[in-house]
Amino acid sequence: MTIKLLITGGTFDKEYNELNGELFFRKTHLNEMLKLGRSRVPVKVKTLMMIDSLFMTPAHRRKVLKECLASREDKIVITHGTDTMPETARLLGRNIKNKTVVLTGAMVPYKFGSSDGMFNLGSALSFAQTLPPGVYIAMNGRYFDWANVRKNKALGEFEETGAKPAGK
């Protein structure tokens, strides 16, 4: 079983410019993260875009959906910025029925060294292998159904909304 790993950018892949203090994108860190994490899960990595999710448009989200629908793999992990991850999950959840799709991200850039990204990536890969078909968000060791999740910006973590999970 090969997992398709789609990259959209987000905090996962941000770098820090020491001269001006700004965060920016260069290239994905996912291959390095998989190697450092000693992952033995077969993956096919594809970069779709490298943007902050705050700048994601409906066209960007449709591109993610199109890639998921076209994928031969039925297990997909998507790295995504946390600010609008639930919006992308909702679009995918309404349109994907026969695949297990797990979105994940990081609150702290991987390059900062104290990132939650490694843990979240490992969790997402595990959840993609074990959860039934559906669309989920994996953060901080938990998974959430696409129709029952939000980012609590005050706490800096994801939580259930209390809505009834999709299809249940």
C-alpha atoms as a PDB file:
ATOM      1  CA  MET A   1       0.000   0.000   0.000  1.00  0.00           C
ATOM      2  CA  THR A   2       1.463   3.331  -1.092  1.00  0.00           C
ATOM      3  CA  ILE A   3       0.231   6.568   0.446  1.00  0.00           C
ATOM      4  CA  LYS A   4       0.015   9.638  -1.773  1.00  0.00           C
ATOM      5  CA  LEU A   5       1.495  12.601   0.098  1.00  0.00           C
ATOM      6  CA  LEU A   6       0.306  15.928  -1.316  1.00  0.00           C
ATOM      7  CA  ILE A   7       2.053  19.141  -0.284  1.00  0.00           C
ATOM      8  CA  THR A   8       0.330  22.514  -0.278  1.00  0.00           C
ATOM      9  CA  GLY A   9       2.734  24.534   1.871  1.00  0.00           C
ATOM     10  CA  GLY A  10       1.619  25.919   5.205  1.00  0.00           C
ATOM     11  CA  THR A  11       3.712  26.289   8.325  1.00  0.00           C
ATOM     12  CA  PHE A  12       5.149  22.798   7.762  1.00  0.00           C
ATOM     13  CA  ASP A  13       7.365  24.093   4.986  1.00  0.00           C
ATOM     14  CA  LYS A  14       8.107  27.659   6.030  1.00  0.00           C
ATOM     15  CA  GLU A  15      11.669  28.900   6.451  1.00  0.00           C
ATOM     16  CA  TYR A  16      12.893  31.847   8.505  1.00  0.00           C
ATOM     17  CA  ASN A  17      14.813  34.734   6.959  1.00  0.00           C
ATOM     18  CA  GLU A  18      17.250  35.818   9.671  1.00  0.00           C
ATOM     19  CA  LEU A  19      17.916  39.155   7.948  1.00  0.00           C
ATOM     20  CA  ASN A  20      14.365  40.495   7.879  1.00  0.00           C
ATOM     21  CA  GLY A  21      12.549  38.137  10.259  1.00  0.00           C
ATOM     22  CA  GLU A  22      10.036  36.998   7.645  1.00  0.00           C
ATOM     23  CA  LEU A  23       8.817  33.474   6.985  1.00  0.00           C
ATOM     24  CA  PHE A  24       8.988  32.237   3.394  1.00  0.00           C
ATOM     25  CA  PHE A  25       8.843  29.103   1.243  1.00  0.00           C
ATOM     26  CA  ARG A  26      11.757  27.529  -0.584  1.00  0.00           C
ATOM     27  CA  LYS A  27      11.082  23.801  -0.958  1.00  0.00           C
ATOM     28  CA  THR A  28       9.273  21.143   1.004  1.00  0.00           C
ATOM     29  CA  HIS A  29      10.871  19.560   4.058  1.00  0.00           C
ATOM     30  CA  LEU A  30       8.755  16.409   3.803  1.00  0.00           C
ATOM     31  CA  ASN A  31      11.398  14.093   2.347  1.00  0.00           C
ATOM     32  CA  GLU A  32      13.843  15.161   5.068  1.00  0.00           C
ATOM     33  CA  MET A  33      11.163  14.678   7.731  1.00  0.00           C
ATOM     34  CA  LEU A  34      10.329  11.180   6.484  1.00  0.00           C
ATOM     35  CA  LYS A  35      14.015  10.267   6.510  1.00  0.00           C
ATOM     36  CA  LEU A  36      14.646  11.681  10.002  1.00  0.00           C
ATOM     37  CA  GLY A  37      11.510   9.979  11.296  1.00  0.00           C
ATOM     38  CA  ARG A  38      12.770   6.680   9.844  1.00  0.00           C
ATOM     39  CA  SER A  39       9.436   6.187   8.108  1.00  0.00           C
ATOM     40  CA  ARG A  40       9.147   2.892   6.264  1.00  0.00           C
ATOM     41  CA  VAL A  41       5.714   3.661   4.826  1.00  0.00           C
ATOM     42  CA  PRO A  42       5.824   3.676   1.013  1.00  0.00           C
ATOM     43  CA  VAL A  43       4.830   7.162  -0.161  1.00  0.00           C
ATOM     44  CA  LYS A  44       4.543   9.053  -3.423  1.00  0.00           C
ATOM     45  CA  VAL A  45       5.275  12.743  -2.745  1.00  0.00           C
ATOM     46  CA  LYS A  46       3.836  15.475  -4.959  1.00  0.00           C
ATOM     47  CA  THR A  47       4.049  19.217  -4.395  1.00  0.00           C
ATOM     48  CA  LEU A  48       0.853  20.937  -5.550  1.00  0.00           C
ATOM     49  CA  MET A  49       1.671  24.420  -4.266  1.00  0.00           C
ATOM     50  CA  MET A  50       3.720  26.178  -1.603  1.00  0.00           C
ATOM     51  CA  ILE A  51       1.455  28.809  -0.056  1.00  0.00           C
ATOM     52  CA  ASP A  52       0.181  29.957   3.302  1.00  0.00           C
ATOM     53  CA  SER A  53      -3.354  28.628   3.706  1.00  0.00           C
ATOM     54  CA  LEU A  54      -4.598  32.165   4.432  1.00  0.00           C
ATOM     55  CA  PHE A  55      -3.913  32.874   0.748  1.00  0.00           C
ATOM     56  CA  MET A  56      -5.628  29.730  -0.520  1.00  0.00           C
ATOM     57  CA  THR A  57      -8.410  30.470  -2.975  1.00  0.00           C
ATOM     58  CA  PRO A  58     -11.337  28.297  -4.049  1.00  0.00           C
ATOM     59  CA  ALA A  59      -9.287  27.494  -7.178  1.00  0.00           C
ATOM     60  CA  HIS A  60      -6.418  26.191  -5.008  1.00  0.00           C
ATOM     61  CA  ARG A  61      -8.846  24.004  -3.052  1.00  0.00           C
ATOM     62  CA  ARG A  62     -10.372  22.655  -6.271  1.00  0.00           C
ATOM     63  CA  LYS A  63      -6.847  21.761  -7.429  1.00  0.00           C
ATOM     64  CA  VAL A  64      -6.364  19.710  -4.240  1.00  0.00           C
ATOM     65  CA  LEU A  65      -9.737  18.021  -4.778  1.00  0.00           C
ATOM     66  CA  LYS A  66      -8.953  17.265  -8.428  1.00  0.00           C
ATOM     67  CA  GLU A  67      -5.616  15.687  -7.438  1.00  0.00           C
ATOM     68  CA  CYS A  68      -7.270  13.533  -4.769  1.00  0.00           C
ATOM     69  CA  LEU A  69      -9.976  12.332  -7.142  1.00  0.00           C
ATOM     70  CA  ALA A  70      -7.424  11.543  -9.867  1.00  0.00           C
ATOM     71  CA  SER A  71      -5.046   9.713  -7.518  1.00  0.00           C
ATOM     72  CA  ARG A  72      -4.723   5.955  -8.049  1.00  0.00           C
ATOM     73  CA  GLU A  73      -3.872   5.644  -4.355  1.00  0.00           C
ATOM     74  CA  ASP A  74      -6.829   5.374  -2.003  1.00  0.00           C
ATOM     75  CA  LYS A  75      -4.816   6.570   1.026  1.00  0.00           C
ATOM     76  CA  ILE A  76      -3.820  10.250   0.856  1.00  0.00           C
ATOM     77  CA  VAL A  77      -2.094  12.580   3.326  1.00  0.00           C
ATOM     78  CA  ILE A  78      -2.151  16.320   2.632  1.00  0.00           C
ATOM     79  CA  THR A  79       0.123  18.821   4.342  1.00  0.00           C
ATOM     80  CA  HIS A  80      -1.761  22.075   4.727  1.00  0.00           C
ATOM     81  CA  GLY A  81      -1.668  25.340   6.625  1.00  0.00           C
ATOM     82  CA  THR A  82      -3.717  25.141   9.803  1.00  0.00           C
ATOM     83  CA  ASP A  83      -5.621  28.425   9.448  1.00  0.00           C
ATOM     84  CA  THR A  84      -7.929  27.209   6.672  1.00  0.00           C
ATOM     85  CA  MET A  85      -7.458  23.448   6.887  1.00  0.00           C
ATOM     86  CA  PRO A  86     -11.105  22.853   7.926  1.00  0.00           C
ATOM     87  CA  GLU A  87     -12.343  24.690   4.803  1.00  0.00           C
ATOM     88  CA  THR A  88     -10.331  22.424   2.513  1.00  0.00           C
ATOM     89  CA  ALA A  89     -11.409  19.369   4.512  1.00  0.00           C
ATOM     90  CA  ARG A  90     -15.074  20.345   4.016  1.00  0.00           C
ATOM     91  CA  LEU A  91     -14.677  20.608   0.236  1.00  0.00           C
ATOM     92  CA  LEU A  92     -12.919  17.240   0.101  1.00  0.00           C
ATOM     93  CA  GLY A  93     -15.339  15.604   2.537  1.00  0.00           C
ATOM     94  CA  ARG A  94     -18.353  16.572   0.440  1.00  0.00           C
ATOM     95  CA  ASN A  95     -16.789  15.128  -2.711  1.00  0.00           C
ATOM     96  CA  ILE A  96     -14.604  12.138  -1.802  1.00  0.00           C
ATOM     97  CA  LYS A  97     -16.298   8.945  -0.663  1.00  0.00           C
ATOM     98  CA  ASN A  98     -14.053   6.000  -1.540  1.00  0.00           C
ATOM     99  CA  LYS A  99     -10.650   7.134  -0.215  1.00  0.00           C
ATOM    100  CA  THR A 100      -9.088   7.857   3.155  1.00  0.00           C
ATOM    101  CA  VAL A 101      -7.771  11.422   3.123  1.00  0.00           C
ATOM    102  CA  VAL A 102      -5.970  12.921   6.116  1.00  0.00           C
ATOM    103  CA  LEU A 103      -4.973  16.584   6.268  1.00  0.00           C
ATOM    104  CA  THR A 104      -2.273  17.632   8.707  1.00  0.00           C
ATOM    105  CA  GLY A 105      -0.097  20.614   9.453  1.00  0.00           C
ATOM    106  CA  ALA A 106       2.077  22.276  12.035  1.00  0.00           C
ATOM    107  CA  MET A 107       1.696  25.197  14.410  1.00  0.00           C
ATOM    108  CA  VAL A 108       5.473  25.788  14.401  1.00  0.00           C
ATOM    109  CA  PRO A 109       7.672  25.572  11.269  1.00  0.00           C
ATOM    110  CA  TYR A 110       9.728  22.374  11.009  1.00  0.00           C
ATOM    111  CA  LYS A 111      12.931  24.382  10.560  1.00  0.00           C
ATOM    112  CA  PHE A 112      12.474  25.941  14.029  1.00  0.00           C
ATOM    113  CA  GLY A 113      13.471  22.602  15.570  1.00  0.00           C
ATOM    114  CA  SER A 114      10.652  22.538  18.133  1.00  0.00           C
ATOM    115  CA  SER A 115       7.918  21.904  15.590  1.00  0.00           C
ATOM    116  CA  ASP A 116       4.949  19.634  16.105  1.00  0.00           C
ATOM    117  CA  GLY A 117       5.211  18.799  12.392  1.00  0.00           C
ATOM    118  CA  MET A 118       7.130  15.520  12.757  1.00  0.00           C
ATOM    119  CA  PHE A 119       4.609  14.152  15.243  1.00  0.00           C
ATOM    120  CA  ASN A 120       1.636  15.311  13.172  1.00  0.00           C
ATOM    121  CA  LEU A 121       3.074  13.824   9.985  1.00  0.00           C
ATOM    122  CA  GLY A 122       3.648  10.458  11.671  1.00  0.00           C
ATOM    123  CA  SER A 123       0.151  10.517  13.121  1.00  0.00           C
ATOM    124  CA  ALA A 124      -1.382  11.373   9.748  1.00  0.00           C
ATOM    125  CA  LEU A 125       0.456   8.517   8.038  1.00  0.00           C
ATOM    126  CA  SER A 126      -0.781   6.116  10.716  1.00  0.00           C
ATOM    127  CA  PHE A 127      -4.359   7.375  10.562  1.00  0.00           C
ATOM    128  CA  ALA A 128      -4.354   7.128   6.743  1.00  0.00           C
ATOM    129  CA  GLN A 129      -3.511   3.429   7.061  1.00  0.00           C
ATOM    130  CA  THR A 130      -6.095   2.606   9.726  1.00  0.00           C
ATOM    131  CA  LEU A 131      -9.159   4.850   9.346  1.00  0.00           C
ATOM    132  CA  PRO A 132     -12.056   3.885   7.058  1.00  0.00           C
ATOM    133  CA  PRO A 133     -12.698   5.892   3.880  1.00  0.00           C
ATOM    134  CA  GLY A 134     -13.483   9.505   4.672  1.00  0.00           C
ATOM    135  CA  VAL A 135     -11.803  12.853   5.142  1.00  0.00           C
ATOM    136  CA  TYR A 136     -10.077  13.702   8.408  1.00  0.00           C
ATOM    137  CA  ILE A 137      -7.798  16.231  10.051  1.00  0.00           C
ATOM    138  CA  ALA A 138      -4.942  14.871  12.185  1.00  0.00           C
ATOM    139  CA  MET A 139      -3.325  17.199  14.702  1.00  0.00           C
ATOM    140  CA  ASN A 140      -1.682  16.651  18.085  1.00  0.00           C
ATOM    141  CA  GLY A 141      -2.216  12.881  18.072  1.00  0.00           C
ATOM    142  CA  ARG A 142      -5.969  13.168  17.457  1.00  0.00           C
ATOM    143  CA  TYR A 143      -8.085  12.844  14.360  1.00  0.00           C
ATOM    144  CA  PHE A 144     -11.257  14.737  13.558  1.00  0.00           C
ATOM    145  CA  ASP A 145     -14.024  14.098  11.054  1.00  0.00           C
ATOM    146  CA  TRP A 146     -14.130  16.801   8.363  1.00  0.00           C
ATOM    147  CA  ALA A 147     -17.646  17.911   9.340  1.00  0.00           C
ATOM    148  CA  ASN A 148     -16.870  18.234  13.054  1.00  0.00           C
ATOM    149  CA  VAL A 149     -13.657  20.243  13.440  1.00  0.00           C
ATOM    150  CA  ARG A 150     -12.394  23.773  13.875  1.00  0.00           C
ATOM    151  CA  LYS A 151      -9.156  25.455  14.830  1.00  0.00           C
ATOM    152  CA  ASN A 152      -9.406  27.116  18.233  1.00  0.00           C
ATOM    153  CA  LYS A 153      -7.072  30.053  17.653  1.00  0.00           C
ATOM    154  CA  ALA A 154      -7.136  31.103  21.307  1.00  0.00           C
ATOM    155  CA  LEU A 155      -5.802  27.700  22.418  1.00  0.00           C
ATOM    156  CA  GLY A 156      -3.746  26.997  19.289  1.00  0.00           C
ATOM    157  CA  GLU A 157      -5.266  23.570  18.765  1.00  0.00           C
ATOM    158  CA  PHE A 158      -8.004  21.747  16.890  1.00  0.00           C
ATOM    159  CA  GLU A 159     -11.253  20.679  18.517  1.00  0.00           C
ATOM    160  CA  GLU A 160     -14.614  19.172  17.685  1.00  0.00           C
ATOM    161  CA  THR A 161     -17.398  21.596  16.843  1.00  0.00           C
ATOM    162  CA  GLY A 162     -20.108  19.384  18.286  1.00  0.00           C
ATOM    163  CA  ALA A 163     -21.657  18.879  14.852  1.00  0.00           C
ATOM    164  CA  LYS A 164     -22.791  15.409  13.889  1.00  0.00           C
ATOM    165  CA  PRO A 165     -19.949  13.683  11.952  1.00  0.00           C
ATOM    166  CA  ALA A 166     -20.588  13.215   8.238  1.00  0.00           C
ATOM    167  CA  GLY A 167     -22.380  10.052   7.245  1.00  0.00           C
ATOM    168  CA  LYS A 168     -23.262   9.110  10.816  1.00  0.00           C
END
